[in-house]
C-alpha cells in the first residue's frame, strides 16, 4: 500500500483591510486548492523544482502574475482597455499627420459611440468599423478576472508568510540545545516564590525536557539561600529546548547579570547577556590564549 501524501492546511485570516480570508490546501505532489473571499481555485503543479513543495509558493511574493495565470487561465476581453488602445492609436496617427483632422474626428466619434457602453463585440460587428481599421480585433485587450488578480496579489503573499514561519519553526524544532554555559555572572538569581510561579504559569508541556524550573533538577543546578535561588548552571536541553523565545522570556525574570552561551546540537553557538532584566544577543568567538 502506497504511503499517503502529506498535506498542509493553512488558514489565511482576513485583515479587515479588504485582504479577504482563505482556506488553502497544499499537497506534497504539487496539488493546490483554495476557497477564499476572492473565489475558489485549484491547480496541480507536477514539477516545482523544489525539494519541499511549500518553498515553491514562496515565489508568490514576487511572481503574483504567474500564479494568477495558472489559477485563472481563462482571460476575458477588457472592452474599456481595448477602446483605450484604439483611442491612443488615433491620437498617435494624427500626431504623425497620418490622418487628417476630419478622418481622426470620424474615427473618434465612431469609437465613442461604442465605448460609451463598453460594447467591443458590437464595435467589431459593425461594417463601418472596417472602413477605418482593416484588422480592428488586433487591438483587443484581454485580461484576467479581477478576483484571481486580487487572490494572487493579496492572499498568496500572506500564504507565503505563513509558510515561511512554519518552515522556520520546523528548523528550530529539529535543532535542540545541547548544553549551556554561564561564562560570568553577578547576583544571578530569582526569588523562590517567583521561580515556582513561573513553572506553574508556563506548564511542563511547554518547557524543555531538562530545565531549571523543575524541582527535580534544582539541587543539581542551583542553590536555595534565604528565599532565593542562586543559579550555578543553566539546564535547558533535550526535547522542546528549540524554543529559545521561551528561554529568553524566562531569563528576563531573573535578577543580576550573566553572560550565557547556548551550544546547539548542530554545533552552532548563540550568546546572550542578561543585565537589568534585559537580554541582548551577541556573537560568540572562541580563541586560544
Protein backbone atom coordinates (compact mmCIF):
# COMPACT_ATOMS: atom_id res chain seq x y z
CA UNK A 1 0.00 0.00 0.00
CA UNK A 2 1.40 3.40 -1.02
CA UNK A 3 2.21 5.90 1.70
CA UNK A 4 -0.38 8.69 1.95
CA UNK A 5 0.70 12.04 0.56
CA UNK A 6 1.46 14.75 3.06
CA UNK A 7 -0.98 17.65 3.09
CA UNK A 8 -0.57 21.10 4.66
CA UNK A 9 -3.59 23.23 5.52
CA UNK A 10 -3.45 26.99 6.05
CA UNK A 11 -5.98 29.48 7.31
CA UNK A 12 -5.27 32.93 5.91
CA UNK A 13 -7.24 35.23 8.18
CA UNK A 14 -8.98 38.36 6.98
CA UNK A 15 -7.15 41.53 7.96
CA UNK A 16 -10.22 43.73 7.81
CA UNK A 17 -8.45 45.86 5.18
CA UNK A 18 -10.02 44.27 2.13
CA UNK A 19 -7.48 41.46 2.03
CA UNK A 20 -10.02 38.67 2.49
CA UNK A 21 -9.76 35.22 4.08
CA UNK A 22 -8.78 31.88 2.57
CA UNK A 23 -8.57 28.18 3.44
CA UNK A 24 -5.74 26.62 1.44
CA UNK A 25 -4.53 23.05 0.98
CA UNK A 26 -1.12 22.13 -0.45
CA UNK A 27 -0.25 18.51 -1.16
CA UNK A 28 3.34 17.32 -1.40
CA UNK A 29 2.89 16.27 -5.04
CA UNK A 30 2.13 19.88 -6.05
CA UNK A 31 -1.68 19.91 -5.83
CA UNK A 32 -3.06 23.25 -4.65
CA UNK A 33 -6.64 24.15 -3.72
CA UNK A 34 -8.14 27.26 -2.16
CA UNK A 35 -11.53 28.53 -1.01
CA UNK A 36 -11.44 32.28 -0.47
CA UNK A 37 -13.20 35.63 -0.46
CA UNK A 38 -11.77 36.14 -3.95
CA UNK A 39 -13.07 32.85 -5.36
CA UNK A 40 -12.17 29.16 -5.38
CA UNK A 41 -9.07 27.93 -7.21
CA UNK A 42 -7.18 24.72 -7.87
CA UNK A 43 -4.12 23.72 -9.87
CA UNK A 44 -1.70 20.82 -9.95
CA UNK A 45 1.97 21.68 -10.35
CA UNK A 46 3.52 18.37 -11.45
CA UNK A 47 7.03 19.74 -11.03
CA UNK A 48 8.03 22.64 -8.79
CA UNK A 49 11.81 22.39 -8.84
CA UNK A 50 11.95 22.49 -5.04
CA UNK A 51 12.66 19.70 -2.57
CA UNK A 52 9.91 20.97 -0.29
CA UNK A 53 6.85 21.85 -2.37
CA UNK A 54 5.93 24.60 0.12
CA UNK A 55 9.03 26.56 -0.85
CA UNK A 56 7.67 26.83 -4.40
CA UNK A 57 4.81 29.01 -3.17
CA UNK A 58 7.21 31.49 -1.57
CA UNK A 59 7.64 32.83 -5.13
CA UNK A 60 4.15 34.32 -4.93
CA UNK A 61 5.53 37.41 -3.17
CA UNK A 62 7.35 38.45 -6.34
CA UNK A 63 5.64 36.43 -9.13
CA UNK A 64 1.97 37.05 -8.41
CA UNK A 65 1.16 37.32 -12.15
CA UNK A 66 2.50 33.79 -12.76
CA UNK A 67 0.21 32.32 -10.10
CA UNK A 68 -2.74 34.40 -11.29
CA UNK A 69 -2.43 32.96 -14.80
CA UNK A 70 -2.08 29.41 -13.53
CA UNK A 71 -5.04 29.64 -11.16
CA UNK A 72 -7.27 31.67 -13.51
CA UNK A 73 -6.11 30.86 -17.06
CA UNK A 74 -9.36 31.97 -18.74
CA UNK A 75 -8.97 35.57 -19.82
CA UNK A 76 -11.83 37.85 -20.81
CA UNK A 77 -11.96 40.79 -23.17
CA UNK A 78 -11.36 44.06 -21.41
CA UNK A 79 -13.60 46.31 -23.51
CA UNK A 80 -12.54 49.53 -21.83
CA UNK A 81 -8.84 48.82 -22.28
CA UNK A 82 -9.47 47.76 -25.90
CA UNK A 83 -11.18 51.04 -26.74
CA UNK A 84 -8.44 52.97 -24.95
CA UNK A 85 -5.83 51.26 -27.11
CA UNK A 86 -7.65 52.41 -30.25
CA UNK A 87 -8.17 55.95 -28.96
CA UNK A 88 -4.41 56.10 -28.37
CA UNK A 89 -3.79 54.78 -31.87
CA UNK A 90 -5.96 57.51 -33.40
CA UNK A 91 -4.09 60.19 -31.45
CA UNK A 92 -0.73 58.74 -32.46
CA UNK A 93 -1.65 58.60 -36.16
CA UNK A 94 -2.99 62.15 -36.03
CA UNK A 95 0.19 63.44 -34.34
CA UNK A 96 2.23 61.86 -37.13
CA UNK A 97 -0.01 63.52 -39.75
CA UNK A 98 -1.07 60.06 -40.95
CA UNK A 99 -4.71 61.09 -40.51
CA UNK A 100 -6.43 64.30 -41.49
CA UNK A 101 -8.32 66.21 -38.85
CA UNK A 102 -11.62 65.05 -40.39
CA UNK A 103 -10.53 61.37 -40.53
CA UNK A 104 -9.41 61.48 -36.95
CA UNK A 105 -12.72 63.06 -35.89
CA UNK A 106 -14.76 60.40 -37.75
CA UNK A 107 -12.82 57.59 -36.12
CA UNK A 108 -13.04 59.22 -32.71
CA UNK A 109 -16.83 59.63 -32.97
CA UNK A 110 -17.26 56.03 -34.12
CA UNK A 111 -15.21 54.77 -31.19
CA UNK A 112 -17.02 57.00 -28.71
CA UNK A 113 -20.41 55.62 -29.79
CA UNK A 114 -19.49 52.04 -28.81
CA UNK A 115 -17.09 52.90 -25.99
CA UNK A 116 -19.86 54.62 -24.05
CA UNK A 117 -21.42 51.17 -23.49
CA UNK A 118 -18.17 49.19 -23.47
CA UNK A 119 -19.63 47.31 -26.46
CA UNK A 120 -16.49 45.86 -28.04
CA UNK A 121 -18.36 42.99 -29.69
CA UNK A 122 -20.82 45.37 -31.33
CA UNK A 123 -17.92 47.52 -32.48
CA UNK A 124 -16.29 44.52 -34.19
CA UNK A 125 -19.57 43.53 -35.90
CA UNK A 126 -20.20 46.99 -37.34
CA UNK A 127 -19.22 47.18 -41.04
CA UNK A 128 -18.28 50.84 -40.62
CA UNK A 129 -15.51 49.79 -38.24
CA UNK A 130 -13.70 48.08 -41.13
CA UNK A 131 -13.77 51.30 -43.14
CA UNK A 132 -11.36 52.73 -40.57
CA UNK A 133 -9.36 49.66 -39.47
CA UNK A 134 -8.60 46.58 -41.58
CA UNK A 135 -7.96 44.39 -38.51
CA UNK A 136 -9.73 46.01 -35.54
CA UNK A 137 -9.52 42.80 -33.49
CA UNK A 138 -5.77 43.35 -33.34
CA UNK A 139 -6.44 45.98 -30.67
CA UNK A 140 -8.40 43.62 -28.43
CA UNK A 141 -7.02 43.66 -24.88
CA UNK A 142 -7.60 40.58 -22.73
CA UNK A 143 -7.07 40.39 -19.01
CA UNK A 144 -7.56 38.04 -16.09
CA UNK A 145 -10.57 38.29 -13.83
CA UNK A 146 -10.06 40.85 -11.07
CA UNK A 147 -10.80 38.26 -8.36
CA UNK A 148 -7.93 35.97 -9.33
CA UNK A 149 -5.63 39.00 -9.59
CA UNK A 150 -6.63 40.06 -6.07
CA UNK A 151 -6.15 36.50 -4.82
CA UNK A 152 -2.66 36.33 -6.31
CA UNK A 153 -1.60 39.83 -5.22
CA UNK A 154 -3.20 39.95 -1.77
CA UNK A 155 -3.79 36.43 -0.50
CA UNK A 156 -0.83 34.48 -1.90
CA UNK A 157 1.85 36.68 -0.28
CA UNK A 158 0.16 36.19 3.09
CA UNK A 159 0.19 32.44 2.46
CA UNK A 160 3.92 32.75 1.75
CA UNK A 161 4.40 34.45 5.13
CA UNK A 162 2.62 31.57 6.90
CA UNK A 163 4.74 29.00 5.07
CA UNK A 164 7.96 30.86 5.91
CA UNK A 165 7.08 30.95 9.62
CA UNK A 166 6.13 27.27 9.54
CA UNK A 167 9.38 26.16 7.89
CA UNK A 168 11.49 28.27 10.24
CA UNK A 169 9.72 26.74 13.24
CA UNK A 170 10.33 23.23 11.90
CA UNK A 171 14.03 24.02 11.51
CA UNK A 172 14.22 25.23 15.10
CA UNK A 173 12.35 22.16 16.36
CA UNK A 174 14.85 19.86 14.66
CA UNK A 175 17.77 21.58 16.42
CA UNK A 176 17.57 21.45 20.21
CA UNK A 177 20.02 22.87 22.74
CA UNK A 178 22.88 20.53 23.66
CA UNK A 179 24.17 22.43 26.71
CA UNK A 180 24.51 25.92 28.21
CA UNK A 181 27.49 27.62 29.82
CA UNK A 182 27.33 30.58 32.19
CA UNK A 183 30.64 32.33 31.49
CA UNK A 184 30.27 35.06 34.11
CA UNK A 185 27.54 36.17 36.47
CA UNK A 186 26.84 38.51 39.39
CA UNK A 187 23.77 38.14 41.58
CA UNK A 188 22.25 35.80 39.00
CA UNK A 189 19.22 34.68 40.99
CA UNK A 190 15.44 34.69 41.36
CA UNK A 191 13.08 34.70 44.35
CA UNK A 192 11.91 31.18 45.16
CA UNK A 193 8.20 32.05 45.04
CA UNK A 194 8.69 33.76 41.67
CA UNK A 195 10.52 30.68 40.40
CA UNK A 196 7.62 28.47 41.49
CA UNK A 197 5.09 30.82 39.87
CA UNK A 198 6.98 30.75 36.55
CA UNK A 199 6.96 26.96 36.49
CA UNK A 200 3.21 26.78 37.16
CA UNK A 201 2.39 29.56 34.69
CA UNK A 202 4.33 28.07 31.79
CA UNK A 203 3.45 24.42 32.44
CA UNK A 204 5.50 21.28 31.96
CA UNK A 205 4.33 20.71 28.38
CA UNK A 206 5.90 23.95 27.16
CA UNK A 207 9.21 23.55 28.99
CA UNK A 208 12.31 21.83 27.66
CA UNK A 209 12.74 18.18 28.61
CA UNK A 210 15.52 19.15 31.05
CA UNK A 211 15.08 22.61 32.55
CA UNK A 212 15.95 24.73 35.56
CA UNK A 213 12.31 25.39 36.52
CA UNK A 214 11.54 21.84 37.63
CA UNK A 215 12.21 21.00 41.27
CA UNK A 216 13.76 17.61 40.40
CA UNK A 217 16.69 19.39 38.74
CA UNK A 218 17.00 22.27 41.21
CA UNK A 219 19.55 20.78 43.61
CA UNK A 220 21.88 19.93 40.75
CA UNK A 221 21.93 23.33 39.07
CA UNK A 222 21.17 25.91 41.79
CA UNK A 223 21.43 26.76 45.47
CA UNK A 224 18.48 27.82 47.63
CA UNK A 225 19.58 30.56 50.02
CA UNK A 226 17.43 32.92 52.11
CA UNK A 227 14.39 32.50 49.88
CA UNK A 228 16.31 32.99 46.67
CA UNK A 229 17.53 30.56 44.03
CA UNK A 230 21.15 31.20 43.06
CA UNK A 231 21.88 29.73 39.63
CA UNK A 232 25.10 27.72 39.25
CA UNK A 233 24.27 26.07 35.95
CA UNK A 234 21.51 26.73 33.46
CA UNK A 235 19.83 23.48 32.49
CA UNK A 236 17.77 23.77 29.30
CA UNK A 237 18.19 20.93 26.81
CA UNK A 238 16.58 17.89 25.27
CA UNK A 239 13.24 17.73 23.52
CA UNK A 240 11.49 21.10 23.27
CA UNK A 241 14.60 23.16 24.03
CA UNK A 242 14.48 24.64 20.50
CA UNK A 243 12.02 27.23 21.82
CA UNK A 244 14.65 29.87 22.51
CA UNK A 245 11.99 32.61 22.70
CA UNK A 246 10.52 30.99 25.80
CA UNK A 247 14.00 30.51 27.25
CA UNK A 248 14.79 34.20 26.74
CA UNK A 249 11.48 35.28 28.25
CA UNK A 250 12.21 33.24 31.38
CA UNK A 251 15.72 34.68 31.73
CA UNK A 252 14.41 38.25 31.81
CA UNK A 253 12.63 37.37 35.05
CA UNK A 254 15.98 36.80 36.79
CA UNK A 255 17.90 39.42 38.74
CA UNK A 256 21.57 40.21 38.32
CA UNK A 257 23.83 39.87 35.31
CA UNK A 258 25.04 36.86 33.34
CA UNK A 259 26.92 36.06 30.13
CA UNK A 260 25.45 32.89 28.67
CA UNK A 261 26.40 30.68 25.70
CA UNK A 262 23.98 28.16 24.20
CA UNK A 263 25.52 25.33 22.19
CA UNK A 264 23.06 23.70 19.80
CA UNK A 265 23.01 20.08 18.73
CA UNK A 266 24.33 21.10 15.29
CA UNK A 267 27.38 22.71 16.94
CA UNK A 268 26.36 26.33 16.45
CA UNK A 269 26.57 28.74 19.39
CA UNK A 270 24.41 31.68 20.49
CA UNK A 271 25.46 34.20 23.12
CA UNK A 272 23.23 36.22 25.45
CA UNK A 273 23.93 38.85 28.05
CA UNK A 274 21.45 39.47 30.86
CA UNK A 275 21.51 42.86 32.54
CA UNK A 276 18.73 44.78 34.33
CA UNK A 277 16.16 42.19 33.23
CA UNK A 278 17.02 42.78 29.58
CA UNK A 279 18.58 40.19 27.31
CA UNK A 280 20.79 41.03 24.34
CA UNK A 281 22.17 38.62 21.75
CA UNK A 282 25.89 38.55 20.98
CA UNK A 283 28.32 36.84 18.63
CA UNK A 284 30.31 34.04 20.25
CA UNK A 285 34.02 33.85 19.39
CA UNK A 286 36.33 31.12 20.58
CA UNK A 287 40.06 31.85 20.98
CA UNK A 288 43.19 30.30 22.45
CA UNK A 289 45.40 32.49 24.63
